Amino acid sequence: MKVKIIVMLADYAIPVILLVILCVGLYRDVKVFDTFIEGAKEGIATVLRIIPSLVGLFTAIGVFRASGAMELMVCVAKPVMSLLNIPAEVLPLVLLRPVSGSASLALVSDLINKHGPDSFIGRLVSTMMGSTETIFYTMTIYCSSVGIKSVRHALAAALIADMAGILASVWACTLFFT
C-alpha cells in the first residue's frame, strides 16, 4: 500500500509541479518560456564550472576507497550506526555532507552505483541529500555577506538541524521502504 502511494506520487509529482508553475506564471503575466531559457543558460554555465571539481572528487573518493580507509571507518562505526538503524556504508555521507555538497554528491553517486537506486541505502542517501545541507559553506557565504562574526549559536543550531534531518531520513526510509 505504501509503495503504491509513493509510486503514484512519483508519477504525478513532476507534471503537477510543472503545471502549477505554468499557471502561476501565466497568472502573474511572466514570460515563462523566456525565463526558462535564461535559467537553462545559467544551468549550463554552472555545469561547466563544476565538472572539474566533480571529476577530482570522484577520483579522490575512488582513492580513499581503494586504500581501505573507508572500509576501516565503516567497520569501526558499524556497532554505533546499527543502534540508530543507519547502514554503516552511509556513515561517510553523514560526516561529509555538512562540509561539502559536491563531495557528498560524488559519494551518493558512488553508493547508488554500488547498491542500486531502489535499495534501502540508495533511497536513504537520496533522502539524506535532500534533508541536510552543506552547513559550513552556507554559513560562510551567508554570515560573511551580512558581516556576522560570531556564528557559534547558529552553527550549533545548524548541526542539530542536520542531525535531525539525518535521523528523520532514516525514520522515513525505514517506515516507507522496509
N, C-alpha and C. Protein backbone atom coordinates (compact mmCIF):
# COMPACT_ATOMS: atom_id res chain seq x y z
N MET A 1 0.82 -1.19 0.00
CA MET A 1 0.00 0.00 0.00
C MET A 1 0.87 1.26 0.00
N LYS A 2 1.88 1.30 0.92
CA LYS A 2 2.76 2.46 1.00
C LYS A 2 3.51 2.67 -0.30
N VAL A 3 4.00 1.58 -0.88
CA VAL A 3 4.77 1.68 -2.12
C VAL A 3 3.89 2.18 -3.26
N LYS A 4 2.64 1.75 -3.31
CA LYS A 4 1.74 2.21 -4.37
C LYS A 4 1.49 3.71 -4.28
N ILE A 5 1.35 4.23 -3.06
CA ILE A 5 1.15 5.66 -2.87
C ILE A 5 2.38 6.43 -3.33
N ILE A 6 3.56 5.93 -2.96
CA ILE A 6 4.80 6.61 -3.35
C ILE A 6 4.98 6.56 -4.86
N VAL A 7 4.68 5.43 -5.48
CA VAL A 7 4.79 5.32 -6.94
C VAL A 7 3.83 6.28 -7.61
N MET A 8 2.61 6.39 -7.10
CA MET A 8 1.65 7.31 -7.67
C MET A 8 2.12 8.76 -7.51
N LEU A 9 2.63 9.11 -6.33
CA LEU A 9 3.15 10.45 -6.12
C LEU A 9 4.32 10.74 -7.06
N ALA A 10 5.19 9.75 -7.23
CA ALA A 10 6.34 9.93 -8.11
C ALA A 10 5.91 10.12 -9.56
N ASP A 11 4.88 9.40 -9.98
CA ASP A 11 4.42 9.51 -11.36
C ASP A 11 3.82 10.87 -11.67
N TYR A 12 3.14 11.45 -10.70
CA TYR A 12 2.41 12.70 -10.95
C TYR A 12 3.09 13.96 -10.40
N ALA A 13 4.13 13.83 -9.60
CA ALA A 13 4.73 14.99 -8.95
C ALA A 13 5.28 15.99 -9.95
N ILE A 14 6.11 15.56 -10.87
CA ILE A 14 6.74 16.50 -11.81
C ILE A 14 5.72 17.13 -12.74
N PRO A 15 4.81 16.38 -13.36
CA PRO A 15 3.82 17.05 -14.21
C PRO A 15 2.95 18.05 -13.45
N VAL A 16 2.58 17.73 -12.21
CA VAL A 16 1.76 18.65 -11.43
C VAL A 16 2.55 19.91 -11.09
N ILE A 17 3.80 19.75 -10.69
CA ILE A 17 4.63 20.91 -10.37
C ILE A 17 4.81 21.80 -11.60
N LEU A 18 5.08 21.20 -12.75
CA LEU A 18 5.23 21.99 -13.97
C LEU A 18 3.94 22.72 -14.33
N LEU A 19 2.83 22.07 -14.17
CA LEU A 19 1.54 22.70 -14.46
C LEU A 19 1.28 23.88 -13.51
N VAL A 20 1.59 23.70 -12.24
CA VAL A 20 1.41 24.78 -11.27
C VAL A 20 2.32 25.96 -11.61
N ILE A 21 3.57 25.68 -11.96
CA ILE A 21 4.50 26.75 -12.33
C ILE A 21 3.98 27.51 -13.55
N LEU A 22 3.51 26.79 -14.55
CA LEU A 22 2.97 27.45 -15.75
C LEU A 22 1.75 28.30 -15.42
N CYS A 23 0.85 27.77 -14.62
CA CYS A 23 -0.37 28.51 -14.27
C CYS A 23 -0.05 29.77 -13.47
N VAL A 24 0.85 29.65 -12.49
CA VAL A 24 1.23 30.82 -11.68
C VAL A 24 1.93 31.85 -12.56
N GLY A 25 2.80 31.38 -13.45
CA GLY A 25 3.49 32.29 -14.37
C GLY A 25 2.52 33.02 -15.28
N LEU A 26 1.56 32.31 -15.82
CA LEU A 26 0.56 32.94 -16.67
C LEU A 26 -0.31 33.91 -15.88
N TYR A 27 -0.66 33.54 -14.68
CA TYR A 27 -1.49 34.41 -13.83
C TYR A 27 -0.75 35.71 -13.50
N ARG A 28 0.57 35.61 -13.26
CA ARG A 28 1.35 36.79 -12.90
C ARG A 28 1.94 37.50 -14.13
N ASP A 29 1.56 37.04 -15.30
CA ASP A 29 2.00 37.64 -16.57
C ASP A 29 3.53 37.60 -16.73
N VAL A 30 4.11 36.46 -16.38
CA VAL A 30 5.55 36.23 -16.53
C VAL A 30 5.78 35.52 -17.86
N LYS A 31 6.82 35.92 -18.56
CA LYS A 31 7.19 35.22 -19.81
C LYS A 31 7.89 33.92 -19.41
N VAL A 32 7.10 32.88 -19.28
CA VAL A 32 7.58 31.62 -18.72
C VAL A 32 8.67 31.00 -19.57
N PHE A 33 8.50 30.96 -20.87
CA PHE A 33 9.49 30.33 -21.75
C PHE A 33 10.80 31.10 -21.73
N ASP A 34 10.74 32.42 -21.78
CA ASP A 34 11.96 33.23 -21.75
C ASP A 34 12.71 33.04 -20.42
N THR A 35 11.96 32.98 -19.34
CA THR A 35 12.56 32.76 -18.03
C THR A 35 13.20 31.38 -17.97
N PHE A 36 12.54 30.39 -18.56
CA PHE A 36 13.08 29.03 -18.61
C PHE A 36 14.40 29.01 -19.38
N ILE A 37 14.44 29.68 -20.52
CA ILE A 37 15.65 29.71 -21.34
C ILE A 37 16.81 30.36 -20.59
N GLU A 38 16.55 31.46 -19.89
CA GLU A 38 17.59 32.12 -19.09
C GLU A 38 18.11 31.19 -18.00
N GLY A 39 17.21 30.48 -17.35
CA GLY A 39 17.61 29.53 -16.32
C GLY A 39 18.44 28.39 -16.90
N ALA A 40 18.07 27.92 -18.09
CA ALA A 40 18.82 26.85 -18.74
C ALA A 40 20.24 27.31 -19.07
N LYS A 41 20.38 28.55 -19.52
CA LYS A 41 21.72 29.09 -19.81
C LYS A 41 22.58 29.12 -18.54
N GLU A 42 21.98 29.58 -17.45
CA GLU A 42 22.71 29.60 -16.18
C GLU A 42 23.06 28.19 -15.72
N GLY A 43 22.16 27.24 -15.95
CA GLY A 43 22.41 25.86 -15.56
C GLY A 43 23.58 25.26 -16.32
N ILE A 44 23.66 25.54 -17.62
CA ILE A 44 24.78 25.03 -18.42
C ILE A 44 26.09 25.62 -17.94
N ALA A 45 26.08 26.92 -17.64
CA ALA A 45 27.30 27.57 -17.13
C ALA A 45 27.73 26.94 -15.80
N THR A 46 26.77 26.64 -14.95
CA THR A 46 27.07 26.02 -13.66
C THR A 46 27.66 24.63 -13.85
N VAL A 47 27.08 23.86 -14.74
CA VAL A 47 27.60 22.50 -15.01
C VAL A 47 29.03 22.57 -15.49
N LEU A 48 29.32 23.47 -16.41
CA LEU A 48 30.68 23.60 -16.93
C LEU A 48 31.66 24.02 -15.83
N ARG A 49 31.18 24.81 -14.88
CA ARG A 49 32.03 25.27 -13.79
C ARG A 49 32.33 24.15 -12.79
N ILE A 50 31.42 23.24 -12.55
CA ILE A 50 31.63 22.24 -11.51
C ILE A 50 32.16 20.90 -12.01
N ILE A 51 32.19 20.68 -13.32
CA ILE A 51 32.68 19.39 -13.84
C ILE A 51 34.09 19.07 -13.36
N PRO A 52 35.06 20.00 -13.43
CA PRO A 52 36.41 19.64 -12.95
C PRO A 52 36.42 19.23 -11.47
N SER A 53 35.64 19.92 -10.65
CA SER A 53 35.58 19.56 -9.22
C SER A 53 35.00 18.17 -9.03
N LEU A 54 33.95 17.87 -9.77
CA LEU A 54 33.34 16.54 -9.64
C LEU A 54 34.28 15.44 -10.08
N VAL A 55 35.02 15.67 -11.16
CA VAL A 55 35.99 14.66 -11.61
C VAL A 55 37.04 14.44 -10.53
N GLY A 56 37.54 15.54 -9.94
CA GLY A 56 38.52 15.42 -8.86
C GLY A 56 37.95 14.70 -7.65
N LEU A 57 36.71 15.02 -7.29
CA LEU A 57 36.10 14.38 -6.13
C LEU A 57 35.85 12.90 -6.35
N PHE A 58 35.37 12.53 -7.56
CA PHE A 58 35.19 11.12 -7.86
C PHE A 58 36.52 10.37 -7.76
N THR A 59 37.58 10.99 -8.24
CA THR A 59 38.90 10.38 -8.17
C THR A 59 39.34 10.23 -6.72
N ALA A 60 39.17 11.29 -5.93
CA ALA A 60 39.58 11.23 -4.52
C ALA A 60 38.80 10.17 -3.75
N ILE A 61 37.51 10.07 -4.01
CA ILE A 61 36.71 9.05 -3.33
C ILE A 61 37.16 7.66 -3.76
N GLY A 62 37.48 7.49 -5.03
CA GLY A 62 37.98 6.20 -5.51
C GLY A 62 39.28 5.82 -4.83
N VAL A 63 40.19 6.77 -4.67
CA VAL A 63 41.46 6.52 -4.00
C VAL A 63 41.23 6.20 -2.52
N PHE A 64 40.34 6.95 -1.88
CA PHE A 64 40.02 6.72 -0.47
C PHE A 64 39.47 5.31 -0.27
N ARG A 65 38.60 4.90 -1.18
CA ARG A 65 38.04 3.54 -1.08
C ARG A 65 39.10 2.48 -1.37
N ALA A 66 39.90 2.71 -2.41
CA ALA A 66 40.91 1.72 -2.80
C ALA A 66 41.97 1.54 -1.71
N SER A 67 42.22 2.57 -0.92
CA SER A 67 43.22 2.47 0.14
C SER A 67 42.73 1.62 1.32
N GLY A 68 41.42 1.42 1.42
CA GLY A 68 40.86 0.66 2.51
C GLY A 68 40.47 1.50 3.72
N ALA A 69 40.73 2.82 3.65
CA ALA A 69 40.42 3.71 4.78
C ALA A 69 38.91 3.79 5.02
N MET A 70 38.14 3.81 3.95
CA MET A 70 36.69 3.91 4.14
C MET A 70 36.14 2.65 4.79
N GLU A 71 36.62 1.48 4.36
CA GLU A 71 36.14 0.23 4.95
C GLU A 71 36.50 0.14 6.43
N LEU A 72 37.69 0.65 6.77
CA LEU A 72 38.10 0.66 8.17
C LEU A 72 37.18 1.55 9.00
N MET A 73 36.87 2.72 8.48
CA MET A 73 35.98 3.64 9.18
C MET A 73 34.58 3.04 9.32
N VAL A 74 34.13 2.37 8.27
CA VAL A 74 32.80 1.74 8.31
C VAL A 74 32.76 0.62 9.34
N CYS A 75 33.81 -0.19 9.40
CA CYS A 75 33.85 -1.30 10.36
C CYS A 75 33.86 -0.81 11.81
N VAL A 76 34.60 0.26 12.05
CA VAL A 76 34.69 0.80 13.41
C VAL A 76 33.35 1.38 13.85
N ALA A 77 32.65 2.04 12.92
CA ALA A 77 31.39 2.73 13.28
C ALA A 77 30.16 1.84 13.20
N LYS A 78 30.30 0.64 12.65
CA LYS A 78 29.13 -0.23 12.43
C LYS A 78 28.31 -0.48 13.69
N PRO A 79 28.90 -0.78 14.85
CA PRO A 79 28.06 -1.04 16.03
C PRO A 79 27.23 0.17 16.46
N VAL A 80 27.83 1.36 16.41
CA VAL A 80 27.11 2.57 16.81
C VAL A 80 26.00 2.87 15.80
N MET A 81 26.31 2.75 14.53
CA MET A 81 25.34 3.05 13.48
C MET A 81 24.16 2.07 13.51
N SER A 82 24.43 0.82 13.86
CA SER A 82 23.34 -0.16 13.89
C SER A 82 22.33 0.16 14.99
N LEU A 83 22.78 0.79 16.07
CA LEU A 83 21.85 1.20 17.12
C LEU A 83 20.85 2.24 16.61
N LEU A 84 21.27 3.07 15.66
CA LEU A 84 20.41 4.10 15.08
C LEU A 84 19.72 3.63 13.80
N ASN A 85 19.91 2.36 13.44
CA ASN A 85 19.35 1.78 12.22
C ASN A 85 19.91 2.44 10.96
N ILE A 86 21.14 2.93 11.03
CA ILE A 86 21.81 3.55 9.89
C ILE A 86 22.82 2.55 9.34
N PRO A 87 22.69 2.18 8.06
CA PRO A 87 23.70 1.29 7.48
C PRO A 87 25.09 1.93 7.57
N ALA A 88 26.08 1.15 7.90
CA ALA A 88 27.44 1.68 8.09
C ALA A 88 27.99 2.32 6.82
N GLU A 89 27.53 1.86 5.65
CA GLU A 89 28.01 2.42 4.39
C GLU A 89 27.62 3.90 4.23
N VAL A 90 26.62 4.34 4.98
CA VAL A 90 26.11 5.70 4.88
C VAL A 90 26.91 6.67 5.76
N LEU A 91 27.71 6.15 6.69
CA LEU A 91 28.46 6.99 7.61
C LEU A 91 29.32 8.05 6.90
N PRO A 92 30.05 7.71 5.84
CA PRO A 92 30.83 8.76 5.18
C PRO A 92 29.97 9.95 4.71
N LEU A 93 28.76 9.68 4.26
CA LEU A 93 27.88 10.76 3.85
C LEU A 93 27.47 11.62 5.04
N VAL A 94 27.19 10.98 6.16
CA VAL A 94 26.80 11.71 7.37
C VAL A 94 27.91 12.67 7.79
N LEU A 95 29.16 12.24 7.67
CA LEU A 95 30.29 13.08 8.06
C LEU A 95 30.65 14.13 7.01
N LEU A 96 30.46 13.80 5.75
CA LEU A 96 30.90 14.67 4.66
C LEU A 96 29.88 15.73 4.26
N ARG A 97 28.61 15.44 4.41
CA ARG A 97 27.55 16.34 3.93
C ARG A 97 27.63 17.75 4.51
N PRO A 98 27.89 17.93 5.81
CA PRO A 98 27.96 19.31 6.32
C PRO A 98 29.14 20.10 5.76
N VAL A 99 30.14 19.42 5.22
CA VAL A 99 31.35 20.09 4.76
C VAL A 99 31.31 20.41 3.27
N SER A 100 30.89 19.46 2.44
CA SER A 100 30.99 19.64 1.00
C SER A 100 29.81 19.00 0.28
N GLY A 101 29.05 19.82 -0.42
CA GLY A 101 27.94 19.32 -1.21
C GLY A 101 28.40 18.51 -2.42
N SER A 102 29.46 18.99 -3.08
CA SER A 102 29.96 18.29 -4.27
C SER A 102 30.54 16.93 -3.92
N ALA A 103 31.32 16.88 -2.84
CA ALA A 103 31.89 15.60 -2.42
C ALA A 103 30.78 14.65 -1.98
N SER A 104 29.76 15.19 -1.33
CA SER A 104 28.62 14.36 -0.92
C SER A 104 27.90 13.80 -2.13
N LEU A 105 27.73 14.64 -3.15
CA LEU A 105 27.07 14.19 -4.37
C LEU A 105 27.87 13.07 -5.03
N ALA A 106 29.18 13.21 -5.04
CA ALA A 106 30.03 12.16 -5.61
C ALA A 106 29.89 10.86 -4.81
N LEU A 107 29.86 10.98 -3.50
CA LEU A 107 29.71 9.80 -2.65
C LEU A 107 28.35 9.15 -2.84
N VAL A 108 27.29 9.95 -2.92
CA VAL A 108 25.95 9.42 -3.16
C VAL A 108 25.90 8.69 -4.50
N SER A 109 26.48 9.29 -5.51
CA SER A 109 26.51 8.65 -6.82
C SER A 109 27.22 7.31 -6.75
N ASP A 110 28.32 7.27 -6.03
CA ASP A 110 29.08 6.03 -5.87
C ASP A 110 28.26 4.97 -5.12
N LEU A 111 27.58 5.38 -4.04
CA LEU A 111 26.76 4.43 -3.28
C LEU A 111 25.58 3.91 -4.11
N ILE A 112 24.97 4.79 -4.89
CA ILE A 112 23.85 4.37 -5.73
C ILE A 112 24.33 3.42 -6.82
N ASN A 113 25.49 3.69 -7.40
CA ASN A 113 26.04 2.78 -8.40
C ASN A 113 26.37 1.42 -7.80
N LYS A 114 26.85 1.42 -6.56
CA LYS A 114 27.24 0.16 -5.91
C LYS A 114 26.03 -0.64 -5.42
N HIS A 115 25.05 0.04 -4.79
CA HIS A 115 23.93 -0.66 -4.16
C HIS A 115 22.64 -0.61 -4.97
N GLY A 116 22.54 0.30 -5.91
CA GLY A 116 21.33 0.43 -6.72
C GLY A 116 20.41 1.53 -6.19
N PRO A 117 19.70 2.20 -7.08
CA PRO A 117 18.84 3.32 -6.67
C PRO A 117 17.62 2.87 -5.87
N ASP A 118 17.18 1.65 -6.05
CA ASP A 118 15.99 1.17 -5.35
C ASP A 118 16.31 0.37 -4.09
N SER A 119 17.58 0.32 -3.73
CA SER A 119 17.96 -0.35 -2.48
C SER A 119 17.67 0.59 -1.31
N PHE A 120 17.67 0.04 -0.12
CA PHE A 120 17.44 0.87 1.06
C PHE A 120 18.52 1.94 1.18
N ILE A 121 19.77 1.56 0.92
CA ILE A 121 20.87 2.52 1.01
C ILE A 121 20.72 3.61 -0.06
N GLY A 122 20.36 3.22 -1.28
CA GLY A 122 20.16 4.21 -2.34
C GLY A 122 19.06 5.20 -1.99
N ARG A 123 17.97 4.71 -1.46
CA ARG A 123 16.87 5.60 -1.08
C ARG A 123 17.25 6.45 0.13
N LEU A 124 17.97 5.87 1.07
CA LEU A 124 18.35 6.60 2.28
C LEU A 124 19.31 7.74 1.95
N VAL A 125 20.33 7.47 1.15
CA VAL A 125 21.29 8.55 0.84
C VAL A 125 20.63 9.63 -0.01
N SER A 126 19.70 9.25 -0.86
CA SER A 126 18.98 10.25 -1.65
C SER A 126 18.13 11.14 -0.75
N THR A 127 17.47 10.53 0.22
CA THR A 127 16.66 11.28 1.17
C THR A 127 17.53 12.16 2.05
N MET A 128 18.68 11.64 2.48
CA MET A 128 19.59 12.45 3.30
C MET A 128 20.11 13.66 2.54
N MET A 129 20.40 13.48 1.27
CA MET A 129 20.89 14.62 0.47
C MET A 129 19.84 15.73 0.41
N GLY A 130 18.58 15.36 0.38
CA GLY A 130 17.52 16.36 0.34
C GLY A 130 17.14 16.89 1.71
N SER A 131 17.58 16.23 2.76
CA SER A 131 17.17 16.61 4.12
C SER A 131 18.26 17.32 4.90
N THR A 132 19.44 17.42 4.33
CA THR A 132 20.56 18.05 5.03
C THR A 132 21.17 19.13 4.15
N GLU A 133 22.13 19.85 4.70
CA GLU A 133 22.71 21.00 4.00
C GLU A 133 24.22 21.02 4.21
N THR A 134 24.91 21.69 3.31
CA THR A 134 26.34 21.91 3.46
C THR A 134 26.50 23.10 4.41
N ILE A 135 26.47 22.81 5.67
CA ILE A 135 26.39 23.81 6.73
C ILE A 135 27.54 24.81 6.68
N PHE A 136 28.75 24.33 6.61
CA PHE A 136 29.90 25.23 6.72
C PHE A 136 30.00 26.17 5.53
N TYR A 137 29.74 25.67 4.34
CA TYR A 137 29.76 26.52 3.15
C TYR A 137 28.65 27.56 3.22
N THR A 138 27.45 27.11 3.53
CA THR A 138 26.30 28.02 3.58
C THR A 138 26.48 29.09 4.65
N MET A 139 26.93 28.70 5.83
CA MET A 139 27.14 29.68 6.88
C MET A 139 28.23 30.67 6.52
N THR A 140 29.27 30.20 5.86
CA THR A 140 30.35 31.11 5.45
C THR A 140 29.83 32.15 4.48
N ILE A 141 29.07 31.73 3.49
CA ILE A 141 28.55 32.66 2.49
C ILE A 141 27.57 33.64 3.12
N TYR A 142 26.58 33.12 3.82
CA TYR A 142 25.53 33.99 4.36
C TYR A 142 26.05 34.91 5.46
N CYS A 143 26.79 34.37 6.39
CA CYS A 143 27.25 35.20 7.51
C CYS A 143 28.27 36.25 7.06
N SER A 144 29.14 35.90 6.15
CA SER A 144 30.11 36.89 5.68
C SER A 144 29.46 37.97 4.82
N SER A 145 28.38 37.63 4.13
CA SER A 145 27.73 38.62 3.28
C SER A 145 27.03 39.71 4.09
N VAL A 146 26.63 39.39 5.32
CA VAL A 146 25.97 40.40 6.16
C VAL A 146 26.84 40.83 7.35
N GLY A 147 28.08 40.36 7.40
CA GLY A 147 29.02 40.83 8.41
C GLY A 147 28.89 40.20 9.79
N ILE A 148 28.32 39.02 9.89
CA ILE A 148 28.21 38.34 11.18
C ILE A 148 29.54 37.67 11.50
N LYS A 149 30.08 37.98 12.67
CA LYS A 149 31.39 37.43 13.07
C LYS A 149 31.25 36.22 14.00
N SER A 150 30.31 36.25 14.91
CA SER A 150 30.12 35.17 15.87
C SER A 150 28.99 34.26 15.39
N VAL A 151 29.35 33.02 15.04
CA VAL A 151 28.37 32.10 14.47
C VAL A 151 28.15 30.87 15.35
N ARG A 152 28.64 30.91 16.58
CA ARG A 152 28.60 29.69 17.39
C ARG A 152 27.19 29.17 17.63
N HIS A 153 26.23 30.03 17.93
CA HIS A 153 24.87 29.57 18.17
C HIS A 153 24.21 29.10 16.87
N ALA A 154 24.49 29.82 15.81
CA ALA A 154 23.94 29.41 14.51
C ALA A 154 24.54 28.08 14.07
N LEU A 155 25.82 27.89 14.32
CA LEU A 155 26.48 26.64 13.96
C LEU A 155 25.91 25.47 14.77
N ALA A 156 25.71 25.68 16.06
CA ALA A 156 25.13 24.63 16.90
C ALA A 156 23.73 24.27 16.41
N ALA A 157 22.93 25.30 16.12
CA ALA A 157 21.57 25.05 15.63
C ALA A 157 21.60 24.32 14.29
N ALA A 158 22.53 24.70 13.41
CA ALA A 158 22.63 24.06 12.10
C ALA A 158 23.05 22.59 12.23
N LEU A 159 23.98 22.31 13.12
CA LEU A 159 24.41 20.92 13.32
C LEU A 159 23.30 20.07 13.93
N ILE A 160 22.53 20.65 14.84
CA ILE A 160 21.38 19.93 15.41
C ILE A 160 20.33 19.67 14.33
N ALA A 161 20.09 20.68 13.49
CA ALA A 161 19.13 20.50 12.39
C ALA A 161 19.62 19.44 11.40
N ASP A 162 20.92 19.41 11.16
CA ASP A 162 21.48 18.40 10.26
C ASP A 162 21.27 17.00 10.83
N MET A 163 21.52 16.85 12.13
CA MET A 163 21.31 15.55 12.76
C MET A 163 19.83 15.17 12.73
N ALA A 164 18.96 16.15 12.93
CA ALA A 164 17.52 15.88 12.85
C ALA A 164 17.15 15.43 11.44
N GLY A 165 17.74 16.05 10.43
CA GLY A 165 17.48 15.64 9.05
C GLY A 165 17.96 14.23 8.77
N ILE A 166 19.11 13.88 9.31
CA ILE A 166 19.64 12.53 9.13
C ILE A 166 18.73 11.51 9.80
N LEU A 167 18.38 11.77 11.05
CA LEU A 167 17.52 10.83 11.78
C LEU A 167 16.12 10.74 11.17
N ALA A 168 15.59 11.87 10.69
CA ALA A 168 14.28 11.85 10.03
C ALA A 168 14.35 11.07 8.73
N SER A 169 15.46 11.18 8.01
CA SER A 169 15.63 10.40 6.78
C SER A 169 15.62 8.91 7.06
N VAL A 170 16.36 8.52 8.10
CA VAL A 170 16.40 7.10 8.48
C VAL A 170 15.01 6.64 8.88
N TRP A 171 14.32 7.43 9.69
CA TRP A 171 12.98 7.06 10.13
C TRP A 171 12.03 6.92 8.94
N ALA A 172 12.02 7.93 8.05
CA ALA A 172 11.08 7.90 6.92
C ALA A 172 11.39 6.75 5.97
N CYS A 173 12.65 6.53 5.68
CA CYS A 173 13.00 5.43 4.78
C CYS A 173 12.72 4.08 5.40
N THR A 174 12.94 3.95 6.69
CA THR A 174 12.60 2.70 7.38
C THR A 174 11.09 2.48 7.35
N LEU A 175 10.34 3.53 7.57
CA LEU A 175 8.88 3.42 7.59
C LEU A 175 8.32 3.07 6.21
N PHE A 176 8.82 3.72 5.18
CA PHE A 176 8.23 3.55 3.84
C PHE A 176 8.87 2.44 3.01
N PHE A 177 10.12 2.09 3.27
CA PHE A 177 10.82 1.18 2.36
C PHE A 177 11.28 -0.13 2.98
N THR A 178 10.85 -0.41 4.21
CA THR A 178 11.22 -1.72 4.76
C THR A 178 9.98 -2.45 5.20
